[in-house]
Structures are given as C-alpha cells and as structure tokens.
Amino acid sequence: LNGKKLLITGGTSGIGFHIAKKALSCGAYVVITGRNEQRLKDAVNNLSSTKCQYVIWDHSDISILPTKLSEVIKILGDIDVVINNAGVPPMKFFSQVDEEEWNRIYNTNLKGPYFLIQNVVEYWKQESFSGYKKILNISSQGGFVGATYPYRMTKWDLRGLTEGLG
C-alpha cells in the first residue's frame, strides 16, 4: 500500500477506521468520508497522519456524487483503491419496515456504492495509468443468508454486485 491512494467511505469508526489506520501504517494516502464533520475531524485526529484527510459526504445522496468525487481526486491526485464501507444498520424488521426505512437503508448501503463504483470506473477509463486499480465492497455475513428486511437484502445485493463486477 505504500504510496497508494485510498478512498474509504464510512471511515469514522469500526471497520472503515481500522482499514484507514492499517493503510496509513503501510504508507498509503487516505481520504475517509462520512456525514458528520465532527466525527470525521475526530477520526483524522485519532489517525494522526498527515497522509489522511476527510470529505463530508452522504453517500445516499447521488446528486452530490460528481462534486464529492472531484473533491477526493483533487486531494489525492488519483484513486488507486475504493473501499465501499459506509452503511447504516436496521432500525425496523420485516413487519415494521416502511418505505422510509427501506429508502434509508437501500440508498446508503446499495445505491451509494453502486453509483460510486460506476463513476470511479468511468474516471479510471478516462485516465491513463499503470498498475491495477481496486474496489473493495464491505458487506456482512448477511450477504450469505436469506433475508426478510432491507439491511440484509442490501448486503446480499452488494455481494452479488461484487461478484458480477469480478
């Protein structure tokens, strides 16, 4: 990872934060994203590396994707690795799920990664570069079992998208 440029969505805590920490320790340049600026500032401070910056980005809002992606590219100069980690957990289960809950989860956990991948691949196709570019999609064990509520369904779908792109 030395010298590689990573975009990590949902990098303020948990898996995304620890991926950023490890990547930075290996010499990577990292941009983490999230919706809450204070949490982003805290994460960057805790990562304590001049090679880490953040972009405030709600991945459920596709209308801001081109602007935010340009912001990341301006910071990094390029993107070698995209790690789709941002996600929201379930608040309701099968019989209680309403359209608002459905959209909240699907827009962040599946629509956001789908369109980010689409836009990054188009960017990569327009650029001349050497070496490999990579996309890693973080799912869960819910992507390997049947599902009756949106959270697990998005993990199933993200797994299918990943296999399809592969």
N, C-alpha and C. Protein backbone atom coordinates (compact mmCIF):
# COMPACT_ATOMS: atom_id res chain seq x y z
N LEU A 1 0.80 -1.21 0.00
CA LEU A 1 0.00 0.00 0.00
C LEU A 1 0.84 1.27 0.00
N ASN A 2 2.13 1.13 0.12
CA ASN A 2 2.99 2.30 0.18
C ASN A 2 2.80 3.19 -1.05
N GLY A 3 2.39 4.42 -0.81
CA GLY A 3 2.18 5.38 -1.89
C GLY A 3 0.84 5.27 -2.58
N LYS A 4 0.06 4.25 -2.27
CA LYS A 4 -1.28 4.09 -2.90
C LYS A 4 -2.23 5.13 -2.33
N LYS A 5 -3.25 5.44 -3.11
CA LYS A 5 -4.23 6.47 -2.75
C LYS A 5 -5.59 5.82 -2.58
N LEU A 6 -6.10 5.86 -1.34
CA LEU A 6 -7.33 5.15 -0.99
C LEU A 6 -8.46 6.10 -0.64
N LEU A 7 -9.64 5.76 -1.13
CA LEU A 7 -10.89 6.40 -0.72
C LEU A 7 -11.65 5.38 0.11
N ILE A 8 -11.92 5.72 1.36
CA ILE A 8 -12.63 4.82 2.26
C ILE A 8 -13.91 5.50 2.71
N THR A 9 -15.05 4.96 2.27
CA THR A 9 -16.33 5.53 2.69
C THR A 9 -16.65 5.01 4.08
N GLY A 10 -17.27 5.85 4.89
CA GLY A 10 -17.61 5.44 6.25
C GLY A 10 -16.38 5.15 7.07
N GLY A 11 -15.45 6.09 7.08
CA GLY A 11 -14.18 5.85 7.76
C GLY A 11 -14.04 6.41 9.15
N THR A 12 -15.14 6.81 9.78
CA THR A 12 -15.02 7.44 11.09
C THR A 12 -14.94 6.46 12.25
N SER A 13 -15.34 5.21 12.03
CA SER A 13 -15.32 4.24 13.12
C SER A 13 -15.32 2.83 12.55
N GLY A 14 -15.21 1.87 13.44
CA GLY A 14 -15.34 0.47 13.07
C GLY A 14 -14.39 0.02 11.98
N ILE A 15 -14.91 -0.77 11.07
CA ILE A 15 -14.09 -1.38 10.01
C ILE A 15 -13.38 -0.32 9.17
N GLY A 16 -14.11 0.71 8.73
CA GLY A 16 -13.51 1.74 7.89
C GLY A 16 -12.36 2.46 8.57
N PHE A 17 -12.54 2.79 9.84
CA PHE A 17 -11.49 3.46 10.61
C PHE A 17 -10.25 2.58 10.70
N HIS A 18 -10.45 1.30 10.99
CA HIS A 18 -9.31 0.40 11.16
C HIS A 18 -8.62 0.08 9.83
N ILE A 19 -9.37 0.06 8.75
CA ILE A 19 -8.73 -0.09 7.44
C ILE A 19 -7.86 1.14 7.16
N ALA A 20 -8.39 2.33 7.46
CA ALA A 20 -7.61 3.56 7.26
C ALA A 20 -6.34 3.53 8.10
N LYS A 21 -6.47 3.11 9.34
CA LYS A 21 -5.32 3.05 10.25
C LYS A 21 -4.23 2.12 9.70
N LYS A 22 -4.64 0.95 9.25
CA LYS A 22 -3.67 0.00 8.71
C LYS A 22 -3.05 0.51 7.42
N ALA A 23 -3.89 1.08 6.53
CA ALA A 23 -3.37 1.59 5.26
C ALA A 23 -2.35 2.71 5.50
N LEU A 24 -2.65 3.59 6.43
CA LEU A 24 -1.72 4.67 6.74
C LEU A 24 -0.40 4.12 7.30
N SER A 25 -0.48 3.09 8.12
CA SER A 25 0.74 2.49 8.68
C SER A 25 1.59 1.82 7.61
N CYS A 26 0.96 1.51 6.47
CA CYS A 26 1.67 0.90 5.35
C CYS A 26 2.13 1.95 4.33
N GLY A 27 1.90 3.23 4.62
CA GLY A 27 2.39 4.29 3.74
C GLY A 27 1.40 4.81 2.72
N ALA A 28 0.13 4.46 2.85
CA ALA A 28 -0.89 4.93 1.90
C ALA A 28 -1.32 6.35 2.22
N TYR A 29 -1.91 6.98 1.22
CA TYR A 29 -2.60 8.26 1.39
C TYR A 29 -4.08 7.93 1.44
N VAL A 30 -4.81 8.51 2.38
CA VAL A 30 -6.18 8.10 2.63
C VAL A 30 -7.11 9.30 2.73
N VAL A 31 -8.27 9.17 2.09
CA VAL A 31 -9.39 10.09 2.33
C VAL A 31 -10.51 9.25 2.89
N ILE A 32 -11.01 9.65 4.07
CA ILE A 32 -12.18 8.99 4.64
C ILE A 32 -13.39 9.89 4.44
N THR A 33 -14.56 9.28 4.38
CA THR A 33 -15.78 10.05 4.22
C THR A 33 -16.77 9.70 5.32
N GLY A 34 -17.71 10.61 5.51
CA GLY A 34 -18.78 10.42 6.47
C GLY A 34 -19.71 11.62 6.41
N ARG A 35 -20.82 11.53 7.13
CA ARG A 35 -21.81 12.61 7.11
C ARG A 35 -21.59 13.65 8.20
N ASN A 36 -20.87 13.28 9.25
CA ASN A 36 -20.73 14.13 10.42
C ASN A 36 -19.32 14.70 10.48
N GLU A 37 -19.20 16.02 10.30
CA GLU A 37 -17.87 16.63 10.24
C GLU A 37 -17.09 16.45 11.54
N GLN A 38 -17.75 16.56 12.68
CA GLN A 38 -17.02 16.40 13.94
C GLN A 38 -16.45 14.99 14.07
N ARG A 39 -17.24 14.00 13.70
CA ARG A 39 -16.74 12.62 13.76
C ARG A 39 -15.57 12.42 12.79
N LEU A 40 -15.65 13.07 11.62
CA LEU A 40 -14.55 12.99 10.65
C LEU A 40 -13.29 13.64 11.22
N LYS A 41 -13.43 14.83 11.81
CA LYS A 41 -12.29 15.51 12.42
C LYS A 41 -11.67 14.66 13.52
N ASP A 42 -12.52 14.09 14.37
CA ASP A 42 -12.03 13.24 15.46
C ASP A 42 -11.28 12.03 14.92
N ALA A 43 -11.83 11.41 13.88
CA ALA A 43 -11.18 10.23 13.29
C ALA A 43 -9.82 10.60 12.72
N VAL A 44 -9.76 11.69 11.96
CA VAL A 44 -8.48 12.12 11.37
C VAL A 44 -7.47 12.45 12.49
N ASN A 45 -7.93 13.11 13.54
CA ASN A 45 -7.04 13.40 14.67
C ASN A 45 -6.55 12.12 15.32
N ASN A 46 -7.43 11.15 15.50
CA ASN A 46 -7.03 9.87 16.11
C ASN A 46 -6.10 9.07 15.21
N LEU A 47 -6.25 9.23 13.91
CA LEU A 47 -5.36 8.53 12.99
C LEU A 47 -3.99 9.21 12.94
N SER A 48 -3.95 10.46 13.32
CA SER A 48 -2.73 11.28 13.45
C SER A 48 -1.69 11.02 12.35
N SER A 49 -2.11 11.30 11.13
CA SER A 49 -1.21 11.18 9.99
C SER A 49 -1.46 12.33 9.04
N THR A 50 -0.39 12.91 8.54
CA THR A 50 -0.52 13.97 7.54
C THR A 50 -1.00 13.42 6.20
N LYS A 51 -1.01 12.10 6.08
CA LYS A 51 -1.46 11.46 4.84
C LYS A 51 -2.95 11.14 4.86
N CYS A 52 -3.67 11.62 5.86
CA CYS A 52 -5.10 11.33 5.97
C CYS A 52 -5.90 12.63 5.99
N GLN A 53 -6.90 12.69 5.13
CA GLN A 53 -7.82 13.82 5.09
C GLN A 53 -9.24 13.27 5.01
N TYR A 54 -10.20 14.18 5.09
CA TYR A 54 -11.60 13.74 5.02
C TYR A 54 -12.40 14.61 4.08
N VAL A 55 -13.53 14.04 3.64
CA VAL A 55 -14.53 14.75 2.85
C VAL A 55 -15.88 14.44 3.47
N ILE A 56 -16.65 15.48 3.77
CA ILE A 56 -18.01 15.29 4.27
C ILE A 56 -18.84 14.81 3.08
N TRP A 57 -19.47 13.63 3.23
CA TRP A 57 -20.14 13.04 2.07
C TRP A 57 -21.21 12.07 2.56
N ASP A 58 -22.43 12.38 2.24
CA ASP A 58 -23.55 11.47 2.49
C ASP A 58 -23.74 10.65 1.22
N HIS A 59 -23.32 9.42 1.24
CA HIS A 59 -23.33 8.57 0.04
C HIS A 59 -24.73 8.19 -0.42
N SER A 60 -25.72 8.48 0.38
CA SER A 60 -27.09 8.18 -0.06
C SER A 60 -27.61 9.25 -1.03
N ASP A 61 -26.91 10.38 -1.11
CA ASP A 61 -27.32 11.49 -1.99
C ASP A 61 -26.50 11.45 -3.27
N ILE A 62 -27.06 10.82 -4.29
CA ILE A 62 -26.36 10.63 -5.55
C ILE A 62 -26.11 11.96 -6.27
N SER A 63 -26.94 12.96 -6.02
CA SER A 63 -26.79 14.24 -6.73
C SER A 63 -25.46 14.93 -6.42
N ILE A 64 -24.85 14.65 -5.27
CA ILE A 64 -23.58 15.29 -4.92
C ILE A 64 -22.37 14.44 -5.29
N LEU A 65 -22.59 13.24 -5.82
CA LEU A 65 -21.50 12.32 -6.10
C LEU A 65 -20.42 12.92 -7.00
N PRO A 66 -20.74 13.50 -8.15
CA PRO A 66 -19.67 14.04 -9.01
C PRO A 66 -18.82 15.11 -8.31
N THR A 67 -19.46 15.98 -7.55
CA THR A 67 -18.73 17.03 -6.85
C THR A 67 -17.82 16.44 -5.78
N LYS A 68 -18.34 15.50 -5.01
CA LYS A 68 -17.56 14.90 -3.92
C LYS A 68 -16.41 14.05 -4.47
N LEU A 69 -16.67 13.32 -5.55
CA LEU A 69 -15.61 12.51 -6.16
C LEU A 69 -14.50 13.42 -6.68
N SER A 70 -14.86 14.54 -7.28
CA SER A 70 -13.85 15.52 -7.75
C SER A 70 -13.04 16.05 -6.58
N GLU A 71 -13.69 16.28 -5.44
CA GLU A 71 -13.01 16.75 -4.24
C GLU A 71 -11.95 15.74 -3.80
N VAL A 72 -12.32 14.46 -3.80
CA VAL A 72 -11.39 13.41 -3.40
C VAL A 72 -10.21 13.36 -4.37
N ILE A 73 -10.49 13.42 -5.66
CA ILE A 73 -9.43 13.35 -6.67
C ILE A 73 -8.50 14.56 -6.54
N LYS A 74 -9.06 15.70 -6.23
CA LYS A 74 -8.24 16.90 -6.03
C LYS A 74 -7.29 16.70 -4.84
N ILE A 75 -7.77 16.09 -3.78
CA ILE A 75 -6.94 15.84 -2.60
C ILE A 75 -5.86 14.80 -2.90
N LEU A 76 -6.27 13.67 -3.47
CA LEU A 76 -5.35 12.56 -3.68
C LEU A 76 -4.55 12.64 -4.98
N GLY A 77 -5.08 13.33 -5.97
CA GLY A 77 -4.44 13.36 -7.28
C GLY A 77 -4.89 12.21 -8.16
N ASP A 78 -5.36 11.16 -7.56
CA ASP A 78 -5.84 9.96 -8.25
C ASP A 78 -6.46 9.07 -7.18
N ILE A 79 -7.05 7.97 -7.60
CA ILE A 79 -7.57 6.98 -6.65
C ILE A 79 -7.10 5.61 -7.13
N ASP A 80 -6.40 4.91 -6.26
CA ASP A 80 -5.96 3.55 -6.59
C ASP A 80 -6.92 2.50 -6.06
N VAL A 81 -7.52 2.78 -4.90
CA VAL A 81 -8.39 1.82 -4.23
C VAL A 81 -9.61 2.54 -3.68
N VAL A 82 -10.79 1.97 -3.96
CA VAL A 82 -12.03 2.44 -3.35
C VAL A 82 -12.50 1.35 -2.41
N ILE A 83 -12.77 1.74 -1.17
CA ILE A 83 -13.32 0.80 -0.20
C ILE A 83 -14.70 1.30 0.19
N ASN A 84 -15.72 0.62 -0.32
CA ASN A 84 -17.11 0.94 -0.01
C ASN A 84 -17.45 0.31 1.33
N ASN A 85 -17.42 1.12 2.36
CA ASN A 85 -17.65 0.63 3.71
C ASN A 85 -18.85 1.30 4.38
N ALA A 86 -19.24 2.49 3.89
CA ALA A 86 -20.34 3.23 4.52
C ALA A 86 -21.60 2.38 4.55
N GLY A 87 -22.30 2.42 5.65
CA GLY A 87 -23.55 1.67 5.76
C GLY A 87 -24.34 2.12 6.96
N VAL A 88 -25.62 1.86 6.91
CA VAL A 88 -26.49 2.16 8.05
C VAL A 88 -27.17 0.87 8.50
N PRO A 89 -27.35 0.71 9.81
CA PRO A 89 -27.95 -0.52 10.34
C PRO A 89 -29.48 -0.46 10.31
N PRO A 90 -30.11 -1.61 10.51
CA PRO A 90 -31.57 -1.64 10.55
C PRO A 90 -32.11 -1.05 11.84
N MET A 91 -33.25 -0.38 11.72
CA MET A 91 -33.97 0.11 12.89
C MET A 91 -35.29 -0.64 13.04
N LYS A 92 -35.73 -1.26 11.93
CA LYS A 92 -37.00 -1.99 11.92
C LYS A 92 -36.80 -3.31 11.18
N PHE A 93 -37.67 -4.26 11.49
CA PHE A 93 -37.57 -5.56 10.86
C PHE A 93 -38.87 -5.87 10.13
N PHE A 94 -38.90 -6.97 9.41
CA PHE A 94 -39.89 -7.31 8.39
C PHE A 94 -41.26 -6.65 8.53
N SER A 95 -42.00 -6.94 9.53
CA SER A 95 -43.38 -6.45 9.60
C SER A 95 -43.47 -4.95 9.91
N GLN A 96 -42.38 -4.36 10.42
CA GLN A 96 -42.39 -2.93 10.74
C GLN A 96 -41.77 -2.05 9.66
N VAL A 97 -41.12 -2.67 8.68
CA VAL A 97 -40.42 -1.89 7.65
C VAL A 97 -41.42 -1.08 6.84
N ASP A 98 -41.14 0.23 6.73
CA ASP A 98 -41.95 1.11 5.89
C ASP A 98 -41.04 1.66 4.78
N GLU A 99 -41.60 2.45 3.91
CA GLU A 99 -40.83 2.96 2.78
C GLU A 99 -39.66 3.83 3.24
N GLU A 100 -39.85 4.61 4.28
CA GLU A 100 -38.78 5.46 4.78
C GLU A 100 -37.58 4.62 5.24
N GLU A 101 -37.84 3.55 5.99
CA GLU A 101 -36.78 2.66 6.44
C GLU A 101 -36.11 1.99 5.26
N TRP A 102 -36.91 1.52 4.31
CA TRP A 102 -36.38 0.88 3.09
C TRP A 102 -35.41 1.82 2.38
N ASN A 103 -35.86 3.04 2.11
CA ASN A 103 -35.05 4.00 1.37
C ASN A 103 -33.80 4.41 2.14
N ARG A 104 -33.92 4.60 3.44
CA ARG A 104 -32.78 4.98 4.26
C ARG A 104 -31.65 3.96 4.13
N ILE A 105 -32.01 2.71 4.19
CA ILE A 105 -31.00 1.64 4.13
C ILE A 105 -30.52 1.41 2.70
N TYR A 106 -31.44 1.27 1.76
CA TYR A 106 -31.03 0.99 0.38
C TYR A 106 -30.22 2.13 -0.22
N ASN A 107 -30.58 3.36 0.08
CA ASN A 107 -29.86 4.49 -0.52
C ASN A 107 -28.42 4.56 -0.05
N THR A 108 -28.16 4.21 1.20
CA THR A 108 -26.79 4.26 1.71
C THR A 108 -26.04 2.97 1.42
N ASN A 109 -26.65 1.84 1.70
CA ASN A 109 -25.93 0.56 1.65
C ASN A 109 -25.78 -0.02 0.25
N LEU A 110 -26.61 0.40 -0.70
CA LEU A 110 -26.52 -0.19 -2.03
C LEU A 110 -26.46 0.85 -3.14
N LYS A 111 -27.37 1.80 -3.13
CA LYS A 111 -27.38 2.80 -4.21
C LYS A 111 -26.09 3.62 -4.18
N GLY A 112 -25.67 4.04 -3.01
CA GLY A 112 -24.43 4.81 -2.88
C GLY A 112 -23.22 4.08 -3.45
N PRO A 113 -22.95 2.85 -3.00
CA PRO A 113 -21.81 2.11 -3.55
C PRO A 113 -21.93 1.85 -5.05
N TYR A 114 -23.13 1.52 -5.51
CA TYR A 114 -23.33 1.22 -6.93
C TYR A 114 -22.90 2.40 -7.79
N PHE A 115 -23.43 3.58 -7.48
CA PHE A 115 -23.14 4.74 -8.30
C PHE A 115 -21.72 5.28 -8.09
N LEU A 116 -21.16 5.08 -6.90
CA LEU A 116 -19.76 5.44 -6.71
C LEU A 116 -18.88 4.58 -7.59
N ILE A 117 -19.11 3.28 -7.59
CA ILE A 117 -18.33 2.38 -8.44
C ILE A 117 -18.48 2.79 -9.91
N GLN A 118 -19.69 3.03 -10.34
CA GLN A 118 -19.94 3.42 -11.72
C GLN A 118 -19.13 4.66 -12.10
N ASN A 119 -19.16 5.67 -11.24
CA ASN A 119 -18.44 6.91 -11.51
C ASN A 119 -16.93 6.75 -11.44
N VAL A 120 -16.44 5.98 -10.50
CA VAL A 120 -15.00 5.76 -10.40
C VAL A 120 -14.48 4.98 -11.60
N VAL A 121 -15.21 3.97 -12.02
CA VAL A 121 -14.78 3.19 -13.19
C VAL A 121 -14.75 4.08 -14.43
N GLU A 122 -15.73 4.94 -14.60
CA GLU A 122 -15.71 5.88 -15.73
C GLU A 122 -14.50 6.80 -15.64
N TYR A 123 -14.18 7.28 -14.45
CA TYR A 123 -12.99 8.11 -14.26
C TYR A 123 -11.74 7.35 -14.64
N TRP A 124 -11.62 6.11 -14.15
CA TRP A 124 -10.45 5.31 -14.46
C TRP A 124 -10.32 5.05 -15.96
N LYS A 125 -11.43 4.85 -16.64
CA LYS A 125 -11.39 4.60 -18.08
C LYS A 125 -10.88 5.81 -18.86
N GLN A 126 -11.08 7.00 -18.31
CA GLN A 126 -10.64 8.23 -18.98
C GLN A 126 -9.19 8.58 -18.68
N GLU A 127 -8.64 8.03 -17.64
CA GLU A 127 -7.27 8.35 -17.22
C GLU A 127 -6.31 7.30 -17.76
N SER A 128 -5.07 7.74 -18.02
CA SER A 128 -4.04 6.76 -18.37
C SER A 128 -3.25 6.49 -17.10
N PHE A 129 -3.12 5.23 -16.76
CA PHE A 129 -2.42 4.87 -15.54
C PHE A 129 -1.76 3.52 -15.73
N SER A 130 -0.80 3.25 -14.88
CA SER A 130 -0.16 1.93 -14.90
C SER A 130 -0.51 1.22 -13.60
N GLY A 131 -0.50 -0.07 -13.65
CA GLY A 131 -0.82 -0.85 -12.46
C GLY A 131 -2.30 -1.15 -12.37
N TYR A 132 -2.69 -1.68 -11.24
CA TYR A 132 -4.06 -2.10 -11.03
C TYR A 132 -4.81 -1.10 -10.15
N LYS A 133 -6.09 -1.00 -10.39
CA LYS A 133 -6.99 -0.24 -9.55
C LYS A 133 -7.90 -1.26 -8.87
N LYS A 134 -8.36 -0.95 -7.68
CA LYS A 134 -9.13 -1.95 -6.93
C LYS A 134 -10.36 -1.33 -6.29
N ILE A 135 -11.41 -2.15 -6.20
CA ILE A 135 -12.63 -1.79 -5.49
C ILE A 135 -12.90 -2.90 -4.49
N LEU A 136 -13.07 -2.53 -3.23
CA LEU A 136 -13.43 -3.49 -2.19
C LEU A 136 -14.77 -3.06 -1.61
N ASN A 137 -15.70 -3.97 -1.60
CA ASN A 137 -17.02 -3.71 -1.04
C ASN A 137 -17.15 -4.47 0.28
N ILE A 138 -17.43 -3.74 1.35
CA ILE A 138 -17.58 -4.36 2.66
C ILE A 138 -19.05 -4.73 2.84
N SER A 139 -19.29 -5.99 3.08
CA SER A 139 -20.65 -6.47 3.28
C SER A 139 -20.74 -7.02 4.70
N SER A 140 -21.42 -8.11 4.88
CA SER A 140 -21.50 -8.76 6.18
C SER A 140 -21.93 -10.20 5.95
N GLN A 141 -22.01 -10.94 7.03
CA GLN A 141 -22.48 -12.33 6.89
C GLN A 141 -23.90 -12.35 6.35
N GLY A 142 -24.63 -11.22 6.50
CA GLY A 142 -25.98 -11.11 5.96
C GLY A 142 -26.03 -11.25 4.45
N GLY A 143 -24.89 -11.08 3.80
CA GLY A 143 -24.81 -11.25 2.35
C GLY A 143 -24.77 -12.70 1.91
N PHE A 144 -24.78 -13.62 2.87
CA PHE A 144 -24.66 -15.04 2.55
C PHE A 144 -25.86 -15.86 3.01
N VAL A 145 -26.89 -15.18 3.53
CA VAL A 145 -28.08 -15.88 4.00
C VAL A 145 -29.32 -15.20 3.45
N GLY A 146 -30.41 -15.91 3.44
CA GLY A 146 -31.67 -15.32 3.01
C GLY A 146 -32.04 -14.14 3.89
N ALA A 147 -32.89 -13.26 3.37
CA ALA A 147 -33.18 -12.03 4.11
C ALA A 147 -34.66 -11.67 4.00
N THR A 148 -35.14 -11.00 5.05
CA THR A 148 -36.53 -10.52 5.06
C THR A 148 -36.63 -9.05 5.42
N TYR A 149 -35.50 -8.38 5.53
CA TYR A 149 -35.52 -6.95 5.84
C TYR A 149 -34.40 -6.26 5.07
N PRO A 150 -34.55 -4.96 4.82
CA PRO A 150 -33.67 -4.26 3.89
C PRO A 150 -32.17 -4.34 4.19
N TYR A 151 -31.76 -4.28 5.44
CA TYR A 151 -30.32 -4.31 5.73
C TYR A 151 -29.68 -5.55 5.12
N ARG A 152 -30.20 -6.71 5.47
CA ARG A 152 -29.62 -7.95 4.95
C ARG A 152 -29.79 -8.05 3.44
N MET A 153 -30.88 -7.55 2.94
CA MET A 153 -31.10 -7.59 1.49
C MET A 153 -30.04 -6.76 0.77
N THR A 154 -29.66 -5.60 1.33
CA THR A 154 -28.61 -4.80 0.68
C THR A 154 -27.27 -5.51 0.72
N LYS A 155 -27.01 -6.26 1.78
CA LYS A 155 -25.74 -6.98 1.87
C LYS A 155 -25.70 -8.12 0.86
N TRP A 156 -26.83 -8.76 0.65
CA TRP A 156 -26.97 -9.80 -0.38
C TRP A 156 -26.71 -9.19 -1.75
N ASP A 157 -27.36 -8.05 -2.00
CA ASP A 157 -27.22 -7.37 -3.29
C ASP A 157 -25.80 -6.87 -3.53
N LEU A 158 -25.15 -6.34 -2.50
CA LEU A 158 -23.78 -5.84 -2.64
C LEU A 158 -22.84 -6.99 -2.95
N ARG A 159 -23.08 -8.12 -2.34
CA ARG A 159 -22.27 -9.31 -2.64
C ARG A 159 -22.46 -9.71 -4.10
N GLY A 160 -23.72 -9.67 -4.57
CA GLY A 160 -23.99 -10.00 -5.97
C GLY A 160 -23.36 -9.01 -6.93
N LEU A 161 -23.40 -7.74 -6.60
CA LEU A 161 -22.75 -6.71 -7.42
C LEU A 161 -21.24 -6.98 -7.50
N THR A 162 -20.66 -7.29 -6.37
CA THR A 162 -19.22 -7.55 -6.32
C THR A 162 -18.85 -8.74 -7.20
N GLU A 163 -19.61 -9.81 -7.09
CA GLU A 163 -19.36 -10.98 -7.94
C GLU A 163 -19.56 -10.64 -9.40
N GLY A 164 -20.62 -9.89 -9.70
CA GLY A 164 -20.89 -9.51 -11.07
C GLY A 164 -19.77 -8.67 -11.67
N LEU A 165 -19.24 -7.72 -10.92
CA LEU A 165 -18.15 -6.90 -11.42
C LEU A 165 -16.88 -7.71 -11.58
N GLY A 166 -16.69 -8.68 -10.69
CA GLY A 166 -15.49 -9.54 -10.76
C GLY A 166 -15.52 -10.39 -12.02
